[in-house]
Amino acid sequence: MTSEVIIDVQPKEISIALLEDKSLVEYQNENRSVSFSVGNIYVAKVKKLMPGLNACFVDVGFERDAFLHYLDLGSQFNSYEKYLKQVQSDRKKLFPITKATRLPDLKKDGSVQTSLKVGQEVMVQIVKEPISTKGPRLTCELSFAGRFIVLIPFNDKVSVSSKIKKGEERARLKQLLQSIKPKNFGIIVRTSAEGKRVAELDAELKLLLKRWEDAITRVQKTTARPQLVFEETGRAVALLRDLFNPTYDGIYINDADIYQQVKDYVELIAPEKAGIVKQYTGQVPIFDNFNVTKQIKSGFGKTVNYRHGAYLIIEHTEALHVVDVNSGNRTRSENGQEANALEVNLGAADELARQLRLRDMGGIIVVDFIDMNLAEDRQMLYERMCKNMQKDRARHNILPLSKFGLMQITRQRVRPAMDVNVEETCPTCFGKGKIKSSILFTDQLESKIDRLVNKIGIKRINLHVHPYVAAYINQGIVSLKRKWQLKYGFGVNVIPSQKLAFLQYEFYGKKGEYLDMQEEIETK
């Protein structure tokens, strides 16, 4: 299986696609002005106690206050509180954590009223993004995740991932990290640490300790509340940290700065694989070049087609996600209705496993498969779904088919489900339903080019248009594009872009900056 990561960096957003055998299986899209906040650490104040829920609300600067349950304070909360006061008492000299006193563990059956009060400062970490009407979910058990290990302040234990099965290797890793970790720090050894040398683990431990020191230094020196004291690494790097696999065939990025960040990170964690990080410099948009745009258009939306006319209907509600399996206009199997239902359902299981990863759907998912009479067929479908979900990194649980033919799946949810609107508002009429004659579209484009070149003074222009329009502009020996270049200079380029609607266009400058030339008045 070939795996590739494609990173599309635009002025306003960054998109990351993971391809397995050229098929899109994971997709992340994020506004560059809004960062992915899971893992961020804040010093903030308790805003409201909720004794009935045994929890409190904390102001961390989001639109809605964050939720912190008593059980999420962690067993070492008392030690954290004392150390936080020691750090803030001296703004010049940092009190080292290795000299901090460990206090008794917090009682599991205690009350939030006896542990916290309104206005109290706490050091918290976001574990779940704001979803729908809910604010972020917090914990006071801070952690700093690396590729091989997770560093946990005020915890002296060394735990090894249960996925590392060999007893000798588990003992080696535990003994090794117990000998190099500082006092008052705990460590969780991740699965990817299996077989790694002490030098690699020590280098990452030092990197994570530096992040802790930077965070606590910021706590010491700042007085504003809430205050962000540690921000997770960039989205591209954070995704790669969890996804990275030495078997990757390539990581392609169309931005020089992000390319350098990713390259530096890969050189740090896997120097021998640094060569797979490549900067994409082609004129065709990077997602079009790797056939990602087309898969996004076909993979999202309410209806998802798969084999031989069968399709899924995916609906989202506040409480759960509902999936209906339909055979559509599929030709019935020669072996009868039961064989036909089994084939459609097995195909649906394959596509649904991909859709859960692609859309990052979490919470409760209920799937209405086509009814099957044979118990062995229902068991085969259940086993197929379990096998397909083995590639999914999110924690999940799958129940066998109920007597109504429903399968229930729970999947870890840490951020809102990815919902890409694949419908397009007409860019030439702005939804009004009337446009200028299409034959005049190229005249309109030429007037924009004339204005950019002769009035604004921009000599190098990349005009992105729908592939059909680009083919029309480029056709013939003396094409329309060639005429424009002779008239306005050879800095005028026409580039096909699959993400654009039929009569939509976008202008970009020499450095890739967007030039807004859209005018609603031109459609009248």
Protein backbone atom coordinates (compact mmCIF):
# COMPACT_ATOMS: atom_id res chain seq x y z
CA MET A 1 0.00 0.00 0.00
CA THR A 2 1.32 3.44 -0.93
CA SER A 3 0.63 6.37 1.43
CA GLU A 4 1.06 10.04 0.59
CA VAL A 5 0.32 13.25 2.48
CA ILE A 6 -0.68 16.30 0.43
CA ILE A 7 -0.65 19.71 2.15
CA ASP A 8 -2.34 22.62 0.36
CA VAL A 9 -1.46 25.97 1.94
CA GLN A 10 -3.61 28.92 0.90
CA PRO A 11 -3.53 32.52 2.22
CA LYS A 12 -6.64 31.96 4.39
CA GLU A 13 -6.65 28.21 5.05
CA ILE A 14 -4.56 25.06 5.16
CA SER A 15 -5.82 21.67 3.96
CA ILE A 16 -4.19 18.29 4.58
CA ALA A 17 -5.10 15.10 2.71
CA LEU A 18 -3.90 11.55 3.40
CA LEU A 19 -4.02 9.22 0.41
CA GLU A 20 -3.77 5.43 0.64
CA ASP A 21 -3.31 3.80 -2.79
CA LYS A 22 -4.34 7.18 -4.30
CA SER A 23 -7.67 7.03 -2.41
CA LEU A 24 -8.53 9.89 -0.01
CA VAL A 25 -8.95 8.52 3.54
CA GLU A 26 -8.32 11.53 5.81
CA TYR A 27 -8.93 15.22 5.19
CA GLN A 28 -8.36 18.23 7.45
CA ASN A 29 -9.26 21.78 6.53
CA GLU A 30 -8.59 24.68 8.85
CA ASN A 31 -8.75 28.45 8.74
CA ARG A 32 -5.21 29.75 9.30
CA SER A 33 -6.52 32.40 11.68
CA VAL A 34 -8.17 29.72 13.88
CA SER A 35 -5.77 27.18 15.30
CA PHE A 36 -6.51 23.62 16.34
CA SER A 37 -6.71 24.02 20.10
CA VAL A 38 -6.54 20.46 21.52
CA GLY A 39 -3.30 20.22 23.52
CA ASN A 40 -3.09 23.96 24.23
CA ILE A 41 -2.35 24.86 27.88
CA TYR A 42 -3.77 27.93 29.63
CA VAL A 43 -3.57 29.60 32.99
CA ALA A 44 -7.15 30.70 33.60
CA LYS A 45 -9.65 31.55 36.32
CA VAL A 46 -12.58 29.51 37.57
CA LYS A 47 -15.71 31.40 36.56
CA LYS A 48 -18.59 29.35 37.99
CA LEU A 49 -18.98 26.27 40.20
CA MET A 50 -21.66 23.68 39.35
CA PRO A 51 -22.09 21.46 42.47
CA GLY A 52 -24.89 19.46 40.86
CA LEU A 53 -22.52 18.35 38.07
CA ASN A 54 -19.50 18.24 40.40
CA ALA A 55 -17.78 20.46 37.85
CA CYS A 56 -16.96 24.07 37.05
CA PHE A 57 -16.73 26.44 34.11
CA VAL A 58 -13.39 28.08 33.31
CA ASP A 59 -12.79 31.13 31.11
CA VAL A 60 -10.00 30.29 28.63
CA GLY A 61 -10.88 33.00 26.12
CA PHE A 62 -13.37 31.09 23.94
CA GLU A 63 -16.86 32.31 23.09
CA ARG A 64 -18.27 29.73 25.52
CA ASP A 65 -16.67 28.91 28.87
CA ALA A 66 -14.77 25.62 29.05
CA PHE A 67 -16.00 22.66 31.14
CA LEU A 68 -13.83 21.08 33.84
CA HIS A 69 -15.16 18.07 35.79
CA TYR A 70 -13.88 17.23 39.28
CA LEU A 71 -12.47 13.87 38.06
CA ASP A 72 -10.46 15.75 35.39
CA LEU A 73 -8.59 17.73 38.07
CA GLY A 74 -6.28 14.71 38.30
CA SER A 75 -4.76 13.01 41.31
CA GLN A 76 -1.83 15.48 41.42
CA PHE A 77 -4.00 18.63 41.45
CA ASN A 78 -2.85 19.66 44.96
CA SER A 79 0.81 19.46 43.89
CA TYR A 80 0.08 21.55 40.78
CA GLU A 81 -1.71 24.21 42.82
CA LYS A 82 1.14 24.55 45.31
CA TYR A 83 3.77 24.68 42.55
CA LEU A 84 1.76 27.28 40.59
CA LYS A 85 1.76 29.57 43.64
CA GLN A 86 5.52 29.05 44.14
CA VAL A 87 6.22 29.97 40.51
CA GLN A 88 4.06 33.10 40.64
CA SER A 89 5.53 34.28 43.95
CA ASP A 90 8.92 35.05 42.35
CA ARG A 91 8.82 36.74 38.94
CA LYS A 92 12.62 36.78 38.58
CA LYS A 93 13.83 33.32 39.53
CA LEU A 94 11.99 30.19 38.39
CA PHE A 95 11.32 27.60 41.07
CA PRO A 96 12.44 24.23 39.55
CA ILE A 97 9.85 21.46 39.42
CA THR A 98 12.44 18.88 40.51
CA LYS A 99 12.50 20.59 43.94
CA ALA A 100 8.72 20.82 44.21
CA THR A 101 7.01 18.94 47.04
CA ARG A 102 4.55 16.19 46.12
CA LEU A 103 1.33 16.53 48.11
CA PRO A 104 -1.20 13.72 48.81
CA ASP A 105 -3.38 12.65 45.90
CA LEU A 106 -6.78 14.26 45.38
CA LYS A 107 -9.65 12.05 46.60
CA LYS A 108 -11.67 10.46 43.80
CA ASP A 109 -14.95 10.85 45.69
CA GLY A 110 -14.36 14.50 46.61
CA SER A 111 -16.38 17.60 45.74
CA VAL A 112 -15.53 20.47 43.41
CA GLN A 113 -16.70 22.90 46.12
CA THR A 114 -13.98 21.78 48.53
CA SER A 115 -11.22 21.87 45.88
CA LEU A 116 -11.96 25.05 43.92
CA LYS A 117 -13.45 28.49 44.42
CA VAL A 118 -14.61 31.17 42.00
CA GLY A 119 -11.71 33.34 40.81
CA GLN A 120 -9.07 30.69 41.60
CA GLU A 121 -6.29 30.31 39.02
CA VAL A 122 -5.79 26.87 37.49
CA MET A 123 -3.46 25.47 34.85
CA VAL A 124 -5.55 23.57 32.32
CA GLN A 125 -5.17 21.77 28.99
CA ILE A 126 -7.82 21.43 26.27
CA VAL A 127 -8.73 17.81 25.52
CA LYS A 128 -11.79 18.37 23.32
CA GLU A 129 -12.61 21.14 20.84
CA PRO A 130 -15.76 23.28 21.19
CA ILE A 131 -18.48 21.23 19.47
CA SER A 132 -21.90 22.61 18.50
CA THR A 133 -23.24 24.53 21.53
CA LYS A 134 -20.64 23.15 23.95
CA GLY A 135 -17.43 24.88 25.00
CA PRO A 136 -14.04 23.12 25.15
CA ARG A 137 -13.45 20.22 27.59
CA LEU A 138 -10.51 20.66 29.99
CA THR A 139 -8.17 18.60 32.16
CA CYS A 140 -5.63 19.57 34.80
CA GLU A 141 -3.52 16.47 34.07
CA LEU A 142 -1.11 18.18 31.69
CA SER A 143 0.77 16.21 29.04
CA PHE A 144 3.27 16.99 26.27
CA ALA A 145 3.02 14.53 23.39
CA GLY A 146 5.98 13.55 21.24
CA ARG A 147 6.49 10.95 18.56
CA PHE A 148 7.80 8.24 20.92
CA ILE A 149 6.81 9.38 24.42
CA VAL A 150 4.33 11.53 26.32
CA LEU A 151 5.70 13.66 29.18
CA ILE A 152 3.46 14.12 32.25
CA PRO A 153 4.57 16.59 34.98
CA PHE A 154 4.02 15.56 38.66
CA ASN A 155 3.80 11.87 37.91
CA ASP A 156 6.70 9.52 38.64
CA LYS A 157 5.36 6.48 36.78
CA VAL A 158 6.70 5.09 33.48
CA SER A 159 3.93 3.31 31.53
CA VAL A 160 4.40 1.37 28.29
CA SER A 161 1.79 1.11 25.52
CA SER A 162 -0.18 -2.14 25.72
CA LYS A 163 0.33 -2.55 21.95
CA ILE A 164 4.00 -3.37 22.62
CA LYS A 165 3.57 -7.09 23.33
CA LYS A 166 7.12 -8.39 23.87
CA GLY A 167 7.93 -8.59 27.59
CA GLU A 168 11.66 -8.02 27.06
CA GLU A 169 11.07 -4.87 25.03
CA ARG A 170 8.57 -3.51 27.57
CA ALA A 171 11.06 -4.08 30.38
CA ARG A 172 13.89 -2.48 28.35
CA LEU A 173 11.91 0.66 27.59
CA LYS A 174 10.63 1.01 31.15
CA GLN A 175 14.06 0.63 32.69
CA LEU A 176 15.66 2.91 30.12
CA LEU A 177 13.24 5.80 30.62
CA GLN A 178 13.18 5.36 34.39
CA SER A 179 16.94 5.98 34.37
CA ILE A 180 16.92 9.15 32.19
CA LYS A 181 13.75 10.97 33.28
CA PRO A 182 14.01 13.84 35.82
CA LYS A 183 12.31 13.76 39.22
CA ASN A 184 8.60 14.67 39.36
CA PHE A 185 7.98 13.67 35.75
CA GLY A 186 6.08 10.66 34.46
CA ILE A 187 6.29 9.15 30.98
CA ILE A 188 3.98 7.16 28.72
CA VAL A 189 5.91 5.18 26.11
CA ARG A 190 4.08 5.17 22.77
CA THR A 191 3.90 2.20 20.39
CA SER A 192 6.24 3.89 17.90
CA ALA A 193 9.07 3.76 20.52
CA GLU A 194 9.43 0.00 20.06
CA GLY A 195 13.02 -0.84 19.10
CA LYS A 196 14.28 2.75 19.38
CA ARG A 197 17.74 3.56 20.74
CA VAL A 198 18.38 5.50 23.94
CA ALA A 199 19.78 8.47 21.98
CA GLU A 200 16.50 8.94 20.07
CA LEU A 201 14.35 8.69 23.19
CA ASP A 202 16.66 10.99 25.17
CA ALA A 203 16.59 13.61 22.38
CA GLU A 204 12.80 13.67 22.38
CA LEU A 205 12.66 13.76 26.20
CA LYS A 206 14.87 16.88 26.19
CA LEU A 207 12.64 18.46 23.53
CA LEU A 208 9.49 17.85 25.62
CA LEU A 209 11.19 19.11 28.81
CA LYS A 210 12.07 22.32 26.95
CA ARG A 211 8.38 22.77 26.05
CA TRP A 212 7.43 22.39 29.72
CA GLU A 213 10.08 24.90 30.80
CA ASP A 214 8.91 27.41 28.16
CA ALA A 215 5.31 27.02 29.34
CA ILE A 216 6.04 27.43 33.04
CA THR A 217 8.34 30.40 32.33
CA ARG A 218 5.46 32.10 30.55
CA VAL A 219 3.26 31.43 33.59
CA GLN A 220 5.91 33.07 35.79
CA LYS A 221 6.33 36.20 33.67
CA THR A 222 2.75 37.04 32.63
CA THR A 223 -0.11 38.31 34.74
CA ALA A 224 -2.92 38.50 32.14
CA ARG A 225 -5.67 35.87 32.57
CA PRO A 226 -6.62 33.79 30.67
CA GLN A 227 -3.13 33.32 29.25
CA LEU A 228 -2.08 30.80 26.62
CA VAL A 229 1.21 29.36 27.93
CA PHE A 230 1.71 26.47 25.50
CA GLU A 231 0.40 26.11 21.97
CA GLU A 232 0.37 22.80 20.12
CA THR A 233 2.67 22.56 17.14
CA GLY A 234 1.43 23.72 13.71
CA ARG A 235 -1.49 21.75 12.28
CA ALA A 236 0.62 20.14 9.57
CA VAL A 237 3.30 19.03 12.05
CA ALA A 238 0.77 17.96 14.72
CA LEU A 239 -1.06 15.75 12.22
CA LEU A 240 2.18 14.24 10.99
CA ARG A 241 3.30 13.53 14.55
CA ASP A 242 0.42 11.10 15.01
CA LEU A 243 0.15 9.92 11.41
CA PHE A 244 3.78 9.63 10.40
CA ASN A 245 4.77 6.23 9.14
CA PRO A 246 8.23 5.30 7.83
CA THR A 247 6.53 3.60 4.88
CA TYR A 248 5.23 6.91 3.50
CA ASP A 249 6.15 7.42 -0.12
CA GLY A 250 5.92 11.19 -0.11
CA ILE A 251 4.82 14.33 1.72
CA TYR A 252 4.08 17.12 -0.78
CA ILE A 253 3.67 20.76 0.26
CA ASN A 254 3.08 23.85 -1.90
CA ASP A 255 4.37 26.44 0.60
CA ALA A 256 8.05 27.09 1.37
CA ASP A 257 7.60 27.94 5.09
CA ILE A 258 5.39 24.94 5.92
CA TYR A 259 7.69 22.75 3.81
CA GLN A 260 10.66 23.80 5.96
CA GLN A 261 8.72 23.20 9.22
CA VAL A 262 7.70 19.70 8.13
CA LYS A 263 11.17 18.88 6.79
CA ASP A 264 12.79 19.97 10.07
CA TYR A 265 10.36 17.82 12.03
CA VAL A 266 10.89 14.71 9.87
CA GLU A 267 14.68 15.20 10.10
CA LEU A 268 14.26 15.26 13.89
CA ILE A 269 12.14 12.10 14.24
CA ALA A 270 13.29 10.06 11.22
CA PRO A 271 16.42 11.52 9.58
CA GLU A 272 16.62 8.70 7.05
CA LYS A 273 13.16 9.66 5.67
CA ALA A 274 13.80 13.40 5.21
CA GLY A 275 13.96 12.87 1.44
CA ILE A 276 10.23 12.06 1.20
CA VAL A 277 9.32 15.68 2.09
CA LYS A 278 9.04 17.56 -1.20
CA GLN A 279 8.01 21.05 -2.15
CA TYR A 280 5.42 21.15 -4.93
CA THR A 281 6.12 23.94 -7.42
CA GLY A 282 3.80 23.04 -10.33
CA GLN A 283 1.37 25.58 -11.76
CA VAL A 284 -1.65 23.29 -11.52
CA PRO A 285 -3.18 23.48 -7.99
CA ILE A 286 -1.63 20.76 -5.81
CA PHE A 287 -4.95 19.08 -4.96
CA ASP A 288 -5.87 18.93 -8.66
CA ASN A 289 -2.50 17.40 -9.50
CA PHE A 290 -3.02 14.54 -7.01
CA ASN A 291 -6.75 14.12 -7.82
CA VAL A 292 -7.78 15.22 -4.32
CA THR A 293 -10.27 17.92 -5.38
CA LYS A 294 -12.40 15.47 -7.35
CA GLN A 295 -12.45 13.00 -4.44
CA ILE A 296 -13.49 15.77 -2.01
CA LYS A 297 -16.37 16.78 -4.32
CA SER A 298 -17.57 13.16 -4.59
CA GLY A 299 -16.76 12.02 -1.03
CA PHE A 300 -18.67 14.64 0.96
CA GLY A 301 -22.30 15.63 0.93
CA LYS A 302 -25.49 13.87 1.97
CA THR A 303 -25.31 11.14 -0.71
CA VAL A 304 -22.15 9.10 -1.31
CA ASN A 305 -22.05 6.71 -4.26
CA TYR A 306 -19.96 3.56 -4.26
CA ARG A 307 -19.97 0.26 -6.19
CA HIS A 308 -22.34 -0.37 -9.14
CA GLY A 309 -24.99 2.23 -8.35
CA ALA A 310 -25.28 1.57 -4.60
CA TYR A 311 -25.06 4.58 -2.30
CA LEU A 312 -25.03 5.78 1.32
CA ILE A 313 -27.16 8.58 2.75
CA ILE A 314 -25.42 10.25 5.71
CA GLU A 315 -27.37 12.54 8.04
CA HIS A 316 -26.03 14.45 11.06
CA THR A 317 -28.12 15.27 14.13
CA GLU A 318 -27.27 16.86 17.46
CA ALA A 319 -27.10 13.47 19.21
CA LEU A 320 -25.80 11.05 16.56
CA HIS A 321 -25.00 10.33 12.92
CA VAL A 322 -27.37 8.18 10.86
CA VAL A 323 -26.31 6.21 7.77
CA ASP A 324 -28.74 4.49 5.40
CA VAL A 325 -27.51 1.87 2.89
CA ASN A 326 -29.31 1.73 -0.48
CA SER A 327 -28.80 -0.63 -3.40
CA GLY A 328 -29.98 2.05 -5.84
CA ASN A 329 -30.32 1.02 -9.49
CA ARG A 330 -27.89 -1.86 -9.02
CA THR A 331 -28.56 -5.01 -11.09
CA ARG A 332 -29.57 -7.89 -8.88
CA SER A 333 -27.15 -10.75 -8.34
CA GLU A 334 -27.77 -14.03 -10.19
CA ASN A 335 -27.56 -15.80 -6.82
CA GLY A 336 -30.67 -14.09 -5.49
CA GLN A 337 -31.72 -11.33 -3.12
CA GLU A 338 -29.67 -12.56 -0.13
CA ALA A 339 -26.40 -12.57 -2.10
CA ASN A 340 -27.24 -9.16 -3.55
CA ALA A 341 -27.90 -7.70 -0.06
CA LEU A 342 -24.65 -9.17 1.27
CA GLU A 343 -22.60 -7.72 -1.59
CA VAL A 344 -24.15 -4.26 -1.22
CA ASN A 345 -23.65 -4.33 2.57
CA LEU A 346 -20.00 -5.43 2.34
CA GLY A 347 -19.32 -2.59 -0.10
CA ALA A 348 -21.10 -0.21 2.28
CA ALA A 349 -18.88 -1.40 5.16
CA ASP A 350 -15.76 -0.62 3.11
CA GLU A 351 -17.01 2.85 2.15
CA LEU A 352 -18.36 3.67 5.61
CA ALA A 353 -15.03 2.89 7.31
CA ARG A 354 -13.39 5.36 4.89
CA GLN A 355 -16.10 7.97 5.47
CA LEU A 356 -15.73 7.84 9.26
CA ARG A 357 -12.02 8.67 8.94
CA LEU A 358 -12.55 11.14 6.11
CA ARG A 359 -15.23 13.18 7.89
CA ASP A 360 -13.82 12.48 11.37
CA MET A 361 -17.32 11.54 12.53
CA GLY A 362 -17.52 10.87 16.26
CA GLY A 363 -20.02 10.02 18.96
CA ILE A 364 -22.77 7.53 18.09
CA ILE A 365 -23.16 6.29 14.51
CA VAL A 366 -26.21 4.16 13.62
CA VAL A 367 -26.10 2.30 10.29
CA ASP A 368 -29.21 0.85 8.64
CA PHE A 369 -27.91 -1.97 6.42
CA ILE A 370 -30.09 -3.90 3.96
CA ASP A 371 -31.83 -6.74 5.81
CA MET A 372 -30.16 -10.17 5.60
CA ASN A 373 -31.79 -13.44 6.69
CA LEU A 374 -28.71 -15.64 7.20
CA ALA A 375 -26.84 -15.36 10.52
CA GLU A 376 -23.52 -16.22 8.83
CA ASP A 377 -23.97 -13.27 6.43
CA ARG A 378 -24.64 -10.89 9.33
CA GLN A 379 -21.54 -12.21 11.11
CA MET A 380 -19.45 -11.78 7.94
CA LEU A 381 -20.60 -8.14 7.67
CA TYR A 382 -19.71 -7.49 11.34
CA GLU A 383 -16.23 -9.01 10.89
CA ARG A 384 -15.68 -7.00 7.70
CA MET A 385 -16.56 -3.76 9.52
CA CYS A 386 -14.21 -4.61 12.41
CA LYS A 387 -11.37 -5.38 9.99
CA ASN A 388 -11.90 -2.13 8.06
CA MET A 389 -11.86 -0.08 11.28
CA GLN A 390 -8.49 -1.48 12.39
CA LYS A 391 -6.77 1.31 10.40
CA ASP A 392 -8.69 3.97 12.35
CA ARG A 393 -6.55 5.72 15.00
CA ALA A 394 -9.60 7.00 16.93
CA ARG A 395 -10.89 4.77 19.73
CA HIS A 396 -14.05 2.99 18.62
CA ASN A 397 -16.47 0.22 19.52
CA ILE A 398 -18.66 -1.76 17.11
CA LEU A 399 -21.72 -3.81 18.05
CA PRO A 400 -23.08 -6.70 15.92
CA LEU A 401 -26.24 -6.16 13.88
CA SER A 402 -29.42 -5.90 15.94
CA LYS A 403 -32.56 -7.82 15.03
CA PHE A 404 -33.70 -4.70 13.14
CA GLY A 405 -30.61 -4.80 10.91
CA LEU A 406 -28.97 -1.80 12.62
CA MET A 407 -25.28 -1.58 13.49
CA GLN A 408 -24.22 0.75 16.29
CA ILE A 409 -20.74 2.27 16.33
CA THR A 410 -19.20 4.63 18.85
CA ARG A 411 -16.12 6.58 17.81
CA GLN A 412 -13.93 8.97 19.79
CA ARG A 413 -14.85 12.58 19.14
CA VAL A 414 -12.35 15.36 19.92
CA ARG A 415 -13.42 17.90 17.28
CA PRO A 416 -16.52 18.66 15.17
CA ALA A 417 -17.15 16.31 12.23
CA MET A 418 -15.67 17.56 8.97
CA ASP A 419 -18.52 18.86 6.83
CA VAL A 420 -17.58 20.12 3.38
CA ASN A 421 -20.33 21.80 1.38
CA VAL A 422 -19.97 20.40 -2.14
CA GLU A 423 -22.82 22.46 -3.56
CA GLU A 424 -21.79 25.62 -5.39
CA THR A 425 -23.45 29.03 -5.39
CA CYS A 426 -23.33 30.47 -8.89
CA PRO A 427 -20.34 32.86 -8.82
CA THR A 428 -21.56 34.88 -11.78
CA CYS A 429 -25.10 35.71 -10.64
CA PHE A 430 -24.47 35.54 -6.85
CA GLY A 431 -27.57 33.38 -6.45
CA LYS A 432 -29.93 35.73 -8.34
CA GLY A 433 -30.46 33.41 -11.30
CA LYS A 434 -29.58 35.81 -14.13
CA ILE A 435 -26.16 36.28 -15.76
CA LYS A 436 -24.66 37.94 -18.77
CA SER A 437 -24.48 35.86 -21.92
CA SER A 438 -21.81 33.16 -21.47
CA ILE A 439 -20.23 34.08 -24.81
CA LEU A 440 -19.20 37.41 -23.26
CA PHE A 441 -17.36 35.70 -20.37
CA THR A 442 -13.93 35.83 -22.03
CA ASP A 443 -14.44 39.52 -22.89
CA GLN A 444 -15.12 40.10 -19.18
CA LEU A 445 -11.91 38.27 -18.26
CA GLU A 446 -9.89 40.32 -20.74
CA SER A 447 -11.20 43.57 -19.27
CA LYS A 448 -10.04 42.39 -15.82
CA ILE A 449 -6.57 41.55 -17.20
CA ASP A 450 -6.37 44.95 -18.90
CA ARG A 451 -7.27 46.66 -15.63
CA LEU A 452 -4.69 44.67 -13.64
CA VAL A 453 -1.85 45.20 -16.13
CA ASN A 454 -2.44 48.74 -17.39
CA LYS A 455 -4.18 50.48 -14.48
CA ILE A 456 -3.01 48.67 -11.34
CA GLY A 457 0.42 47.77 -12.75
CA ILE A 458 0.54 44.05 -11.96
CA LYS A 459 2.52 42.42 -14.76
CA ARG A 460 2.58 38.77 -13.61
CA ILE A 461 -0.90 37.22 -13.28
CA ASN A 462 -2.16 33.67 -12.84
CA LEU A 463 -5.79 33.34 -13.91
CA HIS A 464 -7.49 30.23 -12.46
CA VAL A 465 -10.60 29.06 -14.33
CA HIS A 466 -12.69 25.91 -14.73
CA PRO A 467 -10.85 23.24 -16.83
CA TYR A 468 -13.48 23.52 -19.64
CA VAL A 469 -12.98 27.29 -19.85
CA ALA A 470 -9.18 26.83 -19.74
CA ALA A 471 -9.41 24.37 -22.64
CA TYR A 472 -11.43 26.93 -24.66
CA ILE A 473 -8.93 29.73 -23.90
CA ASN A 474 -5.95 27.51 -24.84
CA GLN A 475 -7.41 25.95 -28.00
CA GLY A 476 -5.90 26.56 -31.44
CA ILE A 477 -2.46 27.59 -32.68
CA VAL A 478 -3.24 31.27 -32.17
CA SER A 479 -5.21 30.77 -28.97
CA LEU A 480 -7.00 33.39 -26.92
CA LYS A 481 -4.30 32.96 -24.29
CA ARG A 482 -1.56 33.69 -26.85
CA LYS A 483 -3.41 36.83 -27.99
CA TRP A 484 -3.64 38.03 -24.39
CA GLN A 485 0.07 37.38 -23.85
CA LEU A 486 1.02 39.33 -26.98
CA LYS A 487 -1.24 42.21 -25.92
CA TYR A 488 -0.61 42.32 -22.15
CA GLY A 489 2.74 40.54 -21.72
CA PHE A 490 3.91 36.97 -21.22
CA GLY A 491 3.34 37.25 -17.47
CA VAL A 492 -0.32 36.34 -18.07
CA ASN A 493 -0.92 32.61 -17.42
CA VAL A 494 -4.16 30.60 -17.55
CA ILE A 495 -4.36 27.66 -15.11
CA PRO A 496 -7.20 25.09 -14.92
CA SER A 497 -8.61 24.53 -11.41
CA GLN A 498 -11.10 21.77 -10.58
CA LYS A 499 -12.38 23.48 -7.43
CA LEU A 500 -13.94 26.36 -9.43
CA ALA A 501 -17.48 26.40 -10.82
CA PHE A 502 -18.06 26.71 -14.58
CA LEU A 503 -18.00 30.50 -14.92
CA GLN A 504 -15.96 31.23 -11.80
CA TYR A 505 -12.49 32.76 -11.93
CA GLU A 506 -9.73 33.78 -9.53
CA PHE A 507 -6.69 36.00 -10.08
CA TYR A 508 -3.40 35.44 -8.24
CA GLY A 509 -0.25 37.58 -8.21
CA LYS A 510 3.42 36.67 -8.61
CA LYS A 511 3.78 35.45 -4.99
CA GLY A 512 0.48 33.56 -4.94
CA GLU A 513 -1.50 36.37 -3.28
CA TYR A 514 -5.22 36.46 -4.12
CA LEU A 515 -6.35 39.44 -6.23
CA ASP A 516 -10.04 40.14 -5.63
CA MET A 517 -11.61 41.13 -8.96
CA GLN A 518 -15.14 39.82 -8.29
CA GLU A 519 -17.85 42.45 -8.82
CA GLU A 520 -21.54 41.76 -8.41
CA ILE A 521 -22.42 44.69 -10.68
CA GLU A 522 -20.88 42.90 -13.67
CA THR A 523 -23.66 40.27 -13.66
CA LYS A 524 -26.44 42.76 -14.32
